[in-house]
Amino acid sequence: MVHALGVLPGGTAGPPVEGFEVAYIEPDGSELRRPLADVWAVRFEGVAPVREFTSYKGQRHLPGLWWSSTADGHIGYESWLERDHVMLLDFDPSVVAVSSQPFWLFWRSDTGKGISHAPDYFARRDDGTAIVVDCRPAERRKPRDWAKFEATQAACDQVGWEFRLVGAPDAIVVRNVRWLAGYRTPRHRVEPVVSGLREVFAEPLSLVDGATMVGDPVAVLPVLFHLLWSHELVVDVSVPLHAASLVSSGAVR
């Protein structure tokens, strides 16, 4: 679920309209801190995380690394909620690059107190536009969290980035995409099966019927799921995947 920010709950004071600074780590390891207005063109999708993904005994969150087919590398996450959302960014055909914990955002409250926040993800679309993502379950958003999210929204508005505050995603979509993600690696791209599937599904056809027309489903289905992950073939992931799901042609790559 994506939340549209507006008035802060509980009357919490919002962010300033000026005075944001951004700190980030360049690919060569150098650390920079600059005014927000000076960094709008920085390729934050390629920076190193500003926070470490630590593990310790008894921690409540479950951090880890997601291998991204979009980035051809690992992207960190600090919870299963973040894992689901980085997976969905990886699945989004318009997203061409993603980074985690891309920068620190600094500002001062109306009382002069220094505040900082590190968003969870920065994503770049194929049209050059950018998305900044914060993941937080709706039931765990406290007033001080809302103030930081409102500040991040205001900062993104200043430089033309989209800001998304996301909670638990649709359960059916997540289950379907998680299944397809198991076949996202290039080893599942096998010819001539790829060409055969593209030909068979030039017109909409049920998933298993089409796979059987190409060959032994045991060998063909992993390739089919890979093509569905990469959107070279498409299926409706908003409803449960099953043998009769209609598959059709998608983007040619």
C-alpha atoms as a PDB file:
ATOM      1  CA  MET A   1       0.000   0.000   0.000  1.00  0.00           C
ATOM      2  CA  VAL A   2       1.299   3.470  -0.911  1.00  0.00           C
ATOM      3  CA  HIS A   3       0.332   6.295   1.445  1.00  0.00           C
ATOM      4  CA  ALA A   4      -0.253   9.824   0.156  1.00  0.00           C
ATOM      5  CA  LEU A   5       1.254  12.258   2.635  1.00  0.00           C
ATOM      6  CA  GLY A   6      -0.657  15.312   3.737  1.00  0.00           C
ATOM      7  CA  VAL A   7      -1.382  16.772   7.159  1.00  0.00           C
ATOM      8  CA  LEU A   8       0.701  15.090   9.840  1.00  0.00           C
ATOM      9  CA  PRO A   9      -1.188  13.049  12.469  1.00  0.00           C
ATOM     10  CA  GLY A  10      -1.367  14.616  15.898  1.00  0.00           C
ATOM     11  CA  GLY A  11      -0.498  18.097  14.667  1.00  0.00           C
ATOM     12  CA  THR A  12       3.222  17.302  14.438  1.00  0.00           C
ATOM     13  CA  ALA A  13       5.193  20.169  12.912  1.00  0.00           C
ATOM     14  CA  GLY A  14       6.178  19.503   9.327  1.00  0.00           C
ATOM     15  CA  PRO A  15       9.524  20.031   7.642  1.00  0.00           C
ATOM     16  CA  PRO A  16      11.037  23.323   6.526  1.00  0.00           C
ATOM     17  CA  VAL A  17      10.616  24.326   2.916  1.00  0.00           C
ATOM     18  CA  GLU A  18      14.322  25.214   2.669  1.00  0.00           C
ATOM     19  CA  GLY A  19      17.559  24.101   4.250  1.00  0.00           C
ATOM     20  CA  PHE A  20      17.852  20.421   3.331  1.00  0.00           C
ATOM     21  CA  GLU A  21      21.289  18.858   3.012  1.00  0.00           C
ATOM     22  CA  VAL A  22      22.189  15.426   1.675  1.00  0.00           C
ATOM     23  CA  ALA A  23      25.110  13.198   2.651  1.00  0.00           C
ATOM     24  CA  TYR A  24      26.082  10.220   0.521  1.00  0.00           C
ATOM     25  CA  ILE A  25      28.965   7.896  -0.353  1.00  0.00           C
ATOM     26  CA  GLU A  26      30.302   7.929  -3.882  1.00  0.00           C
ATOM     27  CA  PRO A  27      31.289   4.667  -5.633  1.00  0.00           C
ATOM     28  CA  ASP A  28      34.966   5.379  -4.862  1.00  0.00           C
ATOM     29  CA  GLY A  29      34.174   5.515  -1.121  1.00  0.00           C
ATOM     30  CA  SER A  30      34.436   9.281  -0.634  1.00  0.00           C
ATOM     31  CA  GLU A  31      31.788  10.863   1.575  1.00  0.00           C
ATOM     32  CA  LEU A  32      30.091  14.106   0.546  1.00  0.00           C
ATOM     33  CA  ARG A  33      27.565  16.417   2.204  1.00  0.00           C
ATOM     34  CA  ARG A  34      25.951  19.033  -0.011  1.00  0.00           C
ATOM     35  CA  PRO A  35      22.806  21.195  -0.208  1.00  0.00           C
ATOM     36  CA  LEU A  36      19.852  19.334  -1.678  1.00  0.00           C
ATOM     37  CA  ALA A  37      19.605  21.758  -4.589  1.00  0.00           C
ATOM     38  CA  ASP A  38      23.127  20.760  -5.680  1.00  0.00           C
ATOM     39  CA  VAL A  39      22.554  16.991  -5.790  1.00  0.00           C
ATOM     40  CA  TRP A  40      19.392  16.565  -7.876  1.00  0.00           C
ATOM     41  CA  ALA A  41      21.468  15.122 -10.763  1.00  0.00           C
ATOM     42  CA  VAL A  42      23.579  12.732  -8.638  1.00  0.00           C
ATOM     43  CA  ARG A  43      23.158   9.107  -9.746  1.00  0.00           C
ATOM     44  CA  PHE A  44      22.013   7.866  -6.351  1.00  0.00           C
ATOM     45  CA  GLU A  45      21.102   4.517  -7.894  1.00  0.00           C
ATOM     46  CA  GLY A  46      24.860   3.818  -8.014  1.00  0.00           C
ATOM     47  CA  VAL A  47      25.982   4.963  -4.565  1.00  0.00           C
ATOM     48  CA  ALA A  48      26.992   2.811  -1.609  1.00  0.00           C
ATOM     49  CA  PRO A  49      24.591   2.445   1.367  1.00  0.00           C
ATOM     50  CA  VAL A  50      25.064   5.093   4.055  1.00  0.00           C
ATOM     51  CA  ARG A  51      24.073   2.579   6.730  1.00  0.00           C
ATOM     52  CA  GLU A  52      25.295  -0.954   7.364  1.00  0.00           C
ATOM     53  CA  PHE A  53      22.937  -3.922   7.398  1.00  0.00           C
ATOM     54  CA  THR A  54      23.881  -5.457  10.723  1.00  0.00           C
ATOM     55  CA  SER A  55      22.820  -8.759  12.257  1.00  0.00           C
ATOM     56  CA  TYR A  56      22.832  -9.551  15.951  1.00  0.00           C
ATOM     57  CA  LYS A  57      21.329 -12.056  18.330  1.00  0.00           C
ATOM     58  CA  GLY A  58      17.744 -11.338  19.298  1.00  0.00           C
ATOM     59  CA  GLN A  59      17.099  -8.609  16.751  1.00  0.00           C
ATOM     60  CA  ARG A  60      13.482  -8.122  15.682  1.00  0.00           C
ATOM     61  CA  HIS A  61      14.173  -7.399  12.032  1.00  0.00           C
ATOM     62  CA  LEU A  62      15.518  -9.834   9.468  1.00  0.00           C
ATOM     63  CA  PRO A  63      18.150  -8.126   7.293  1.00  0.00           C
ATOM     64  CA  GLY A  64      19.632  -9.687   4.205  1.00  0.00           C
ATOM     65  CA  LEU A  65      20.671  -9.235   0.586  1.00  0.00           C
ATOM     66  CA  TRP A  66      18.428  -9.484  -2.452  1.00  0.00           C
ATOM     67  CA  TRP A  67      20.090 -10.471  -5.731  1.00  0.00           C
ATOM     68  CA  SER A  68      18.613  -8.022  -8.216  1.00  0.00           C
ATOM     69  CA  SER A  69      18.336  -8.964 -11.873  1.00  0.00           C
ATOM     70  CA  THR A  70      17.920  -5.247 -12.599  1.00  0.00           C
ATOM     71  CA  ALA A  71      21.142  -4.260 -10.841  1.00  0.00           C
ATOM     72  CA  ASP A  72      22.946  -7.554 -11.552  1.00  0.00           C
ATOM     73  CA  GLY A  73      24.078  -7.490  -7.944  1.00  0.00           C
ATOM     74  CA  HIS A  74      22.945  -7.550  -4.339  1.00  0.00           C
ATOM     75  CA  ILE A  75      20.754  -4.910  -2.700  1.00  0.00           C
ATOM     76  CA  GLY A  76      20.397  -4.819   1.066  1.00  0.00           C
ATOM     77  CA  TYR A  77      17.187  -4.900   3.060  1.00  0.00           C
ATOM     78  CA  GLU A  78      16.492  -4.593   6.794  1.00  0.00           C
ATOM     79  CA  SER A  79      13.168  -6.425   7.029  1.00  0.00           C
ATOM     80  CA  TRP A  80      10.941  -8.763   5.071  1.00  0.00           C
ATOM     81  CA  LEU A  81       8.768  -5.779   4.211  1.00  0.00           C
ATOM     82  CA  GLU A  82      11.774  -4.076   2.591  1.00  0.00           C
ATOM     83  CA  ARG A  83      12.662  -7.349   0.869  1.00  0.00           C
ATOM     84  CA  ASP A  84       9.194  -7.540  -0.682  1.00  0.00           C
ATOM     85  CA  HIS A  85       9.402  -3.970  -1.937  1.00  0.00           C
ATOM     86  CA  VAL A  86      12.894  -4.266  -3.396  1.00  0.00           C
ATOM     87  CA  MET A  87      11.639  -7.441  -5.123  1.00  0.00           C
ATOM     88  CA  LEU A  88       8.706  -5.481  -6.591  1.00  0.00           C
ATOM     89  CA  LEU A  89      11.066  -2.729  -7.765  1.00  0.00           C
ATOM     90  CA  ASP A  90      13.214  -5.430  -9.351  1.00  0.00           C
ATOM     91  CA  PHE A  91      10.119  -6.790 -11.109  1.00  0.00           C
ATOM     92  CA  ASP A  92       8.975  -3.358 -12.350  1.00  0.00           C
ATOM     93  CA  PRO A  93       9.922  -3.169 -16.061  1.00  0.00           C
ATOM     94  CA  SER A  94      10.245   0.631 -15.922  1.00  0.00           C
ATOM     95  CA  VAL A  95      12.920   0.492 -13.186  1.00  0.00           C
ATOM     96  CA  VAL A  96      16.474   0.260 -14.509  1.00  0.00           C
ATOM     97  CA  ALA A  97      18.502   0.685 -11.287  1.00  0.00           C
ATOM     98  CA  VAL A  98      17.984   0.490  -7.517  1.00  0.00           C
ATOM     99  CA  SER A  99      20.103   1.299  -4.465  1.00  0.00           C
ATOM    100  CA  SER A 100      19.417   0.854  -0.748  1.00  0.00           C
ATOM    101  CA  GLN A 101      19.974   3.439   2.010  1.00  0.00           C
ATOM    102  CA  PRO A 102      21.133   5.899  -0.683  1.00  0.00           C
ATOM    103  CA  PHE A 103      21.672   9.030   1.399  1.00  0.00           C
ATOM    104  CA  TRP A 104      21.151  10.864   4.665  1.00  0.00           C
ATOM    105  CA  LEU A 105      18.751  13.789   4.517  1.00  0.00           C
ATOM    106  CA  PHE A 106      19.426  16.559   7.071  1.00  0.00           C
ATOM    107  CA  TRP A 107      17.255  19.489   8.140  1.00  0.00           C
ATOM    108  CA  ARG A 108      16.268  21.500  11.201  1.00  0.00           C
ATOM    109  CA  SER A 109      12.846  21.537  12.818  1.00  0.00           C
ATOM    110  CA  ASP A 110      10.941  24.743  13.497  1.00  0.00           C
ATOM    111  CA  THR A 111      12.571  24.737  16.961  1.00  0.00           C
ATOM    112  CA  GLY A 112      16.068  24.498  15.471  1.00  0.00           C
ATOM    113  CA  LYS A 113      16.648  20.847  16.334  1.00  0.00           C
ATOM    114  CA  GLY A 114      18.809  18.936  13.843  1.00  0.00           C
ATOM    115  CA  ILE A 115      17.020  15.929  12.298  1.00  0.00           C
ATOM    116  CA  SER A 116      18.225  13.262   9.874  1.00  0.00           C
ATOM    117  CA  HIS A 117      16.643  10.436   7.922  1.00  0.00           C
ATOM    118  CA  ALA A 118      17.922   7.789   5.501  1.00  0.00           C
ATOM    119  CA  PRO A 119      15.236   6.589   3.039  1.00  0.00           C
ATOM    120  CA  ASP A 120      15.162   2.887   2.280  1.00  0.00           C
ATOM    121  CA  TYR A 121      15.527   2.881  -1.524  1.00  0.00           C
ATOM    122  CA  PHE A 122      16.301   5.039  -4.525  1.00  0.00           C
ATOM    123  CA  ALA A 123      15.165   3.791  -7.931  1.00  0.00           C
ATOM    124  CA  ARG A 124      15.738   5.143 -11.444  1.00  0.00           C
ATOM    125  CA  ARG A 125      13.200   4.652 -14.216  1.00  0.00           C
ATOM    126  CA  ASP A 126      14.012   4.160 -17.878  1.00  0.00           C
ATOM    127  CA  ASP A 127      12.774   7.684 -18.628  1.00  0.00           C
ATOM    128  CA  GLY A 128      15.313   9.173 -16.201  1.00  0.00           C
ATOM    129  CA  THR A 129      12.858   9.996 -13.418  1.00  0.00           C
ATOM    130  CA  ALA A 130      13.549   8.906  -9.843  1.00  0.00           C
ATOM    131  CA  ILE A 131      11.641   7.291  -6.976  1.00  0.00           C
ATOM    132  CA  VAL A 132      12.538   7.518  -3.275  1.00  0.00           C
ATOM    133  CA  VAL A 133      10.931   4.790  -1.154  1.00  0.00           C
ATOM    134  CA  ASP A 134      10.340   4.467   2.581  1.00  0.00           C
ATOM    135  CA  CYS A 135       8.921   1.186   3.927  1.00  0.00           C
ATOM    136  CA  ARG A 136       6.979   1.214   7.179  1.00  0.00           C
ATOM    137  CA  PRO A 137       3.890  -0.792   8.230  1.00  0.00           C
ATOM    138  CA  ALA A 138       0.923   1.523   8.713  1.00  0.00           C
ATOM    139  CA  GLU A 139       0.455   0.405  12.322  1.00  0.00           C
ATOM    140  CA  ARG A 140       4.073   1.301  13.200  1.00  0.00           C
ATOM    141  CA  ARG A 141       4.102   4.920  11.966  1.00  0.00           C
ATOM    142  CA  LYS A 142       4.578   7.128  15.009  1.00  0.00           C
ATOM    143  CA  PRO A 143       4.301  10.953  15.021  1.00  0.00           C
ATOM    144  CA  ARG A 144       8.087  11.394  14.827  1.00  0.00           C
ATOM    145  CA  ASP A 145       8.148   8.986  11.865  1.00  0.00           C
ATOM    146  CA  TRP A 146       5.433  10.991  10.122  1.00  0.00           C
ATOM    147  CA  ALA A 147       7.518  14.152  10.557  1.00  0.00           C
ATOM    148  CA  LYS A 148      10.469  12.475   8.820  1.00  0.00           C
ATOM    149  CA  PHE A 149       8.319  11.096   6.020  1.00  0.00           C
ATOM    150  CA  GLU A 150       6.766  14.539   5.516  1.00  0.00           C
ATOM    151  CA  ALA A 151      10.242  16.055   5.338  1.00  0.00           C
ATOM    152  CA  THR A 152      11.357  13.461   2.811  1.00  0.00           C
ATOM    153  CA  GLN A 153       8.248  14.187   0.731  1.00  0.00           C
ATOM    154  CA  ALA A 154       9.030  17.931   0.808  1.00  0.00           C
ATOM    155  CA  ALA A 155      12.664  17.325  -0.158  1.00  0.00           C
ATOM    156  CA  CYS A 156      11.670  15.083  -3.059  1.00  0.00           C
ATOM    157  CA  ASP A 157       9.151  17.659  -4.256  1.00  0.00           C
ATOM    158  CA  GLN A 158      11.920  20.262  -4.417  1.00  0.00           C
ATOM    159  CA  VAL A 159      14.038  18.232  -6.823  1.00  0.00           C
ATOM    160  CA  GLY A 160      11.316  16.462  -8.806  1.00  0.00           C
ATOM    161  CA  TRP A 161      11.606  12.972  -7.356  1.00  0.00           C
ATOM    162  CA  GLU A 162       8.574  10.807  -6.637  1.00  0.00           C
ATOM    163  CA  PHE A 163       8.267   9.818  -2.978  1.00  0.00           C
ATOM    164  CA  ARG A 164       6.532   6.621  -1.916  1.00  0.00           C
ATOM    165  CA  LEU A 165       5.659   5.679   1.649  1.00  0.00           C
ATOM    166  CA  VAL A 166       4.730   2.004   1.409  1.00  0.00           C
ATOM    167  CA  GLY A 167       3.335  -0.550   3.796  1.00  0.00           C
ATOM    168  CA  ALA A 168       2.334  -4.163   3.290  1.00  0.00           C
ATOM    169  CA  PRO A 169       1.923  -4.844  -0.459  1.00  0.00           C
ATOM    170  CA  ASP A 170      -0.890  -6.885  -1.949  1.00  0.00           C
ATOM    171  CA  ALA A 171      -0.454 -10.440  -0.705  1.00  0.00           C
ATOM    172  CA  ILE A 172      -1.440 -12.128  -3.986  1.00  0.00           C
ATOM    173  CA  VAL A 173       0.911  -9.969  -6.045  1.00  0.00           C
ATOM    174  CA  VAL A 174       3.757 -10.656  -3.620  1.00  0.00           C
ATOM    175  CA  ARG A 175       3.193 -14.425  -3.730  1.00  0.00           C
ATOM    176  CA  ASN A 176       3.072 -14.465  -7.518  1.00  0.00           C
ATOM    177  CA  VAL A 177       6.113 -12.236  -7.982  1.00  0.00           C
ATOM    178  CA  ARG A 178       8.062 -14.162  -5.331  1.00  0.00           C
ATOM    179  CA  TRP A 179       7.397 -17.352  -7.292  1.00  0.00           C
ATOM    180  CA  LEU A 180       8.561 -15.796 -10.563  1.00  0.00           C
ATOM    181  CA  ALA A 181      11.585 -14.306  -8.791  1.00  0.00           C
ATOM    182  CA  GLY A 182      12.840 -17.818  -8.187  1.00  0.00           C
ATOM    183  CA  TYR A 183      13.498 -17.961 -11.942  1.00  0.00           C
ATOM    184  CA  ARG A 184      14.985 -14.477 -12.424  1.00  0.00           C
ATOM    185  CA  THR A 185      18.596 -15.530 -12.995  1.00  0.00           C
ATOM    186  CA  PRO A 186      19.941 -15.787 -16.584  1.00  0.00           C
ATOM    187  CA  ARG A 187      20.573 -19.544 -16.255  1.00  0.00           C
ATOM    188  CA  HIS A 188      16.858 -20.079 -16.899  1.00  0.00           C
ATOM    189  CA  ARG A 189      17.091 -18.398 -20.300  1.00  0.00           C
ATOM    190  CA  VAL A 190      17.493 -21.469 -22.504  1.00  0.00           C
ATOM    191  CA  GLU A 191      17.253 -21.594 -26.279  1.00  0.00           C
ATOM    192  CA  PRO A 192      15.483 -22.845 -28.346  1.00  0.00           C
ATOM    193  CA  VAL A 193      12.850 -22.962 -25.590  1.00  0.00           C
ATOM    194  CA  VAL A 194      12.713 -19.147 -25.377  1.00  0.00           C
ATOM    195  CA  SER A 195      11.932 -18.827 -29.078  1.00  0.00           C
ATOM    196  CA  GLY A 196       9.377 -21.624 -28.896  1.00  0.00           C
ATOM    197  CA  LEU A 197       7.533 -19.978 -26.009  1.00  0.00           C
ATOM    198  CA  ARG A 198       7.474 -16.608 -27.738  1.00  0.00           C
ATOM    199  CA  GLU A 199       5.948 -18.235 -30.805  1.00  0.00           C
ATOM    200  CA  VAL A 200       3.363 -20.256 -28.891  1.00  0.00           C
ATOM    201  CA  PHE A 201       2.229 -17.320 -26.762  1.00  0.00           C
ATOM    202  CA  ALA A 202       1.996 -14.851 -29.653  1.00  0.00           C
ATOM    203  CA  GLU A 203      -1.736 -15.265 -28.976  1.00  0.00           C
ATOM    204  CA  PRO A 204      -3.077 -15.618 -25.402  1.00  0.00           C
ATOM    205  CA  LEU A 205      -2.998 -19.219 -24.211  1.00  0.00           C
ATOM    206  CA  SER A 206      -3.214 -20.987 -20.876  1.00  0.00           C
ATOM    207  CA  LEU A 207       0.102 -21.349 -19.068  1.00  0.00           C
ATOM    208  CA  VAL A 208       0.381 -25.138 -18.960  1.00  0.00           C
ATOM    209  CA  ASP A 209      -1.145 -25.743 -22.404  1.00  0.00           C
ATOM    210  CA  GLY A 210       1.386 -23.414 -23.998  1.00  0.00           C
ATOM    211  CA  ALA A 211       4.310 -24.898 -22.099  1.00  0.00           C
ATOM    212  CA  THR A 212       3.264 -28.431 -23.131  1.00  0.00           C
ATOM    213  CA  MET A 213       3.180 -27.407 -26.779  1.00  0.00           C
ATOM    214  CA  VAL A 214       6.861 -26.431 -26.576  1.00  0.00           C
ATOM    215  CA  GLY A 215       8.112 -29.549 -24.808  1.00  0.00           C
ATOM    216  CA  ASP A 216       8.362 -31.385 -21.501  1.00  0.00           C
ATOM    217  CA  PRO A 217       6.840 -29.013 -18.912  1.00  0.00           C
ATOM    218  CA  VAL A 218       9.551 -29.984 -16.417  1.00  0.00           C
ATOM    219  CA  ALA A 219      12.124 -28.385 -18.710  1.00  0.00           C
ATOM    220  CA  VAL A 220       9.916 -25.685 -20.235  1.00  0.00           C
ATOM    221  CA  LEU A 221       8.197 -24.162 -17.200  1.00  0.00           C
ATOM    222  CA  PRO A 222      11.363 -22.686 -15.612  1.00  0.00           C
ATOM    223  CA  VAL A 223      12.068 -20.888 -18.888  1.00  0.00           C
ATOM    224  CA  LEU A 224       8.457 -19.705 -19.079  1.00  0.00           C
ATOM    225  CA  PHE A 225       8.609 -18.323 -15.530  1.00  0.00           C
ATOM    226  CA  HIS A 226      11.862 -16.531 -16.408  1.00  0.00           C
ATOM    227  CA  LEU A 227      10.184 -14.870 -19.394  1.00  0.00           C
ATOM    228  CA  LEU A 228       7.243 -13.860 -17.196  1.00  0.00           C
ATOM    229  CA  TRP A 229       9.676 -12.338 -14.686  1.00  0.00           C
ATOM    230  CA  SER A 230      11.395 -10.354 -17.441  1.00  0.00           C
ATOM    231  CA  HIS A 231       8.034  -9.305 -18.984  1.00  0.00           C
ATOM    232  CA  GLU A 232       8.920 -10.854 -22.339  1.00  0.00           C
ATOM    233  CA  LEU A 233       5.708 -12.763 -21.724  1.00  0.00           C
ATOM    234  CA  VAL A 234       3.004 -11.393 -19.450  1.00  0.00           C
ATOM    235  CA  VAL A 235       0.400 -12.728 -17.051  1.00  0.00           C
ATOM    236  CA  ASP A 236      -1.972 -11.069 -14.599  1.00  0.00           C
ATOM    237  CA  VAL A 237      -0.164 -11.221 -11.237  1.00  0.00           C
ATOM    238  CA  SER A 238      -3.072  -9.598  -9.377  1.00  0.00           C
ATOM    239  CA  VAL A 239      -4.837 -12.974  -9.264  1.00  0.00           C
ATOM    240  CA  PRO A 240      -3.334 -16.317  -8.182  1.00  0.00           C
ATOM    241  CA  LEU A 241      -1.194 -18.003 -10.822  1.00  0.00           C
ATOM    242  CA  HIS A 242      -2.474 -21.425 -11.891  1.00  0.00           C
ATOM    243  CA  ALA A 243      -2.323 -23.834 -14.799  1.00  0.00           C
ATOM    244  CA  ALA A 244      -5.072 -22.033 -16.702  1.00  0.00           C
ATOM    245  CA  SER A 245      -3.659 -18.507 -16.272  1.00  0.00           C
ATOM    246  CA  LEU A 246      -3.616 -16.716 -19.614  1.00  0.00           C
ATOM    247  CA  VAL A 247      -0.142 -15.872 -20.875  1.00  0.00           C
ATOM    248  CA  SER A 248       0.492 -13.546 -23.811  1.00  0.00           C
ATOM    249  CA  SER A 249       3.363 -11.795 -25.511  1.00  0.00           C
ATOM    250  CA  GLY A 250       5.039  -8.888 -23.751  1.00  0.00           C
ATOM    251  CA  ALA A 251       8.041  -6.653 -24.386  1.00  0.00           C
ATOM    252  CA  VAL A 252      10.597  -7.909 -26.896  1.00  0.00           C
ATOM    253  CA  ARG A 253      14.114  -7.766 -25.454  1.00  0.00           C
END
